[in-house]
Amino acid sequence: MAIILILSHSFGLFGIEISQSLADILSAAVTIPFFLSFFRTLPKEDE
C-alpha cells in the first residue's frame, strides 16, 4: 500500500500504473516458489 502512495505522489498517474505492475511482479515472485514446491511433492505417474 505504501508503494502506491509514494509512486503516485512522485509520478502521478504513471506512478499508479507502475505500482500495479510491481504488485503483479511481486505476487508472481511469492507464488512461484510455493507452486514449484507443491508440484515437486506430488507423486509421479508412471505411463
Protein backbone atom coordinates (compact mmCIF):
# COMPACT_ATOMS: atom_id res chain seq x y z
CA MET A 1 0.00 0.00 0.00
CA ALA A 2 2.85 2.36 0.75
CA ILE A 3 4.39 1.97 -2.69
CA ILE A 4 1.24 3.27 -4.39
CA LEU A 5 1.28 6.35 -2.18
CA ILE A 6 4.95 7.04 -2.81
CA LEU A 7 4.84 6.47 -6.56
CA SER A 8 1.57 8.33 -7.09
CA HIS A 9 2.95 11.33 -5.22
CA SER A 10 6.19 11.25 -7.20
CA PHE A 11 4.94 10.33 -10.68
CA GLY A 12 1.17 10.95 -10.60
CA LEU A 13 -0.96 8.63 -12.69
CA PHE A 14 2.13 6.98 -14.16
CA GLY A 15 3.20 6.06 -10.61
CA ILE A 16 -0.09 4.27 -10.05
CA GLU A 17 0.40 2.32 -13.27
CA ILE A 18 3.93 1.36 -12.19
CA SER A 19 2.72 0.24 -8.76
CA GLN A 20 0.18 -2.11 -10.38
CA SER A 21 2.95 -3.72 -12.44
CA LEU A 22 5.18 -4.02 -9.38
CA ALA A 23 2.35 -5.67 -7.45
CA ASP A 24 1.93 -8.25 -10.22
CA ILE A 25 5.65 -8.99 -10.29
CA LEU A 26 5.83 -9.27 -6.51
CA SER A 27 2.84 -11.61 -6.31
CA ALA A 28 4.38 -13.83 -9.00
CA ALA A 29 7.70 -13.87 -7.13
CA VAL A 30 5.92 -15.01 -3.98
CA THR A 31 3.65 -17.56 -5.70
CA ILE A 32 6.17 -19.36 -7.94
CA PRO A 33 8.21 -20.98 -5.11
CA PHE A 34 5.02 -22.33 -3.50
CA PHE A 35 3.83 -23.58 -6.88
CA LEU A 36 7.10 -25.40 -7.57
CA SER A 37 7.36 -26.97 -4.12
CA PHE A 38 3.77 -28.20 -4.34
CA PHE A 39 4.29 -29.89 -7.69
CA ARG A 40 7.53 -31.49 -6.50
CA THR A 41 5.66 -33.20 -3.66
CA LEU A 42 3.04 -34.75 -5.93
CA PRO A 43 3.56 -38.41 -6.72
CA LYS A 44 4.77 -39.10 -10.23
CA GLU A 45 2.53 -41.15 -12.51
CA ASP A 46 4.11 -43.94 -14.49
CA GLU A 47 2.93 -44.18 -18.06
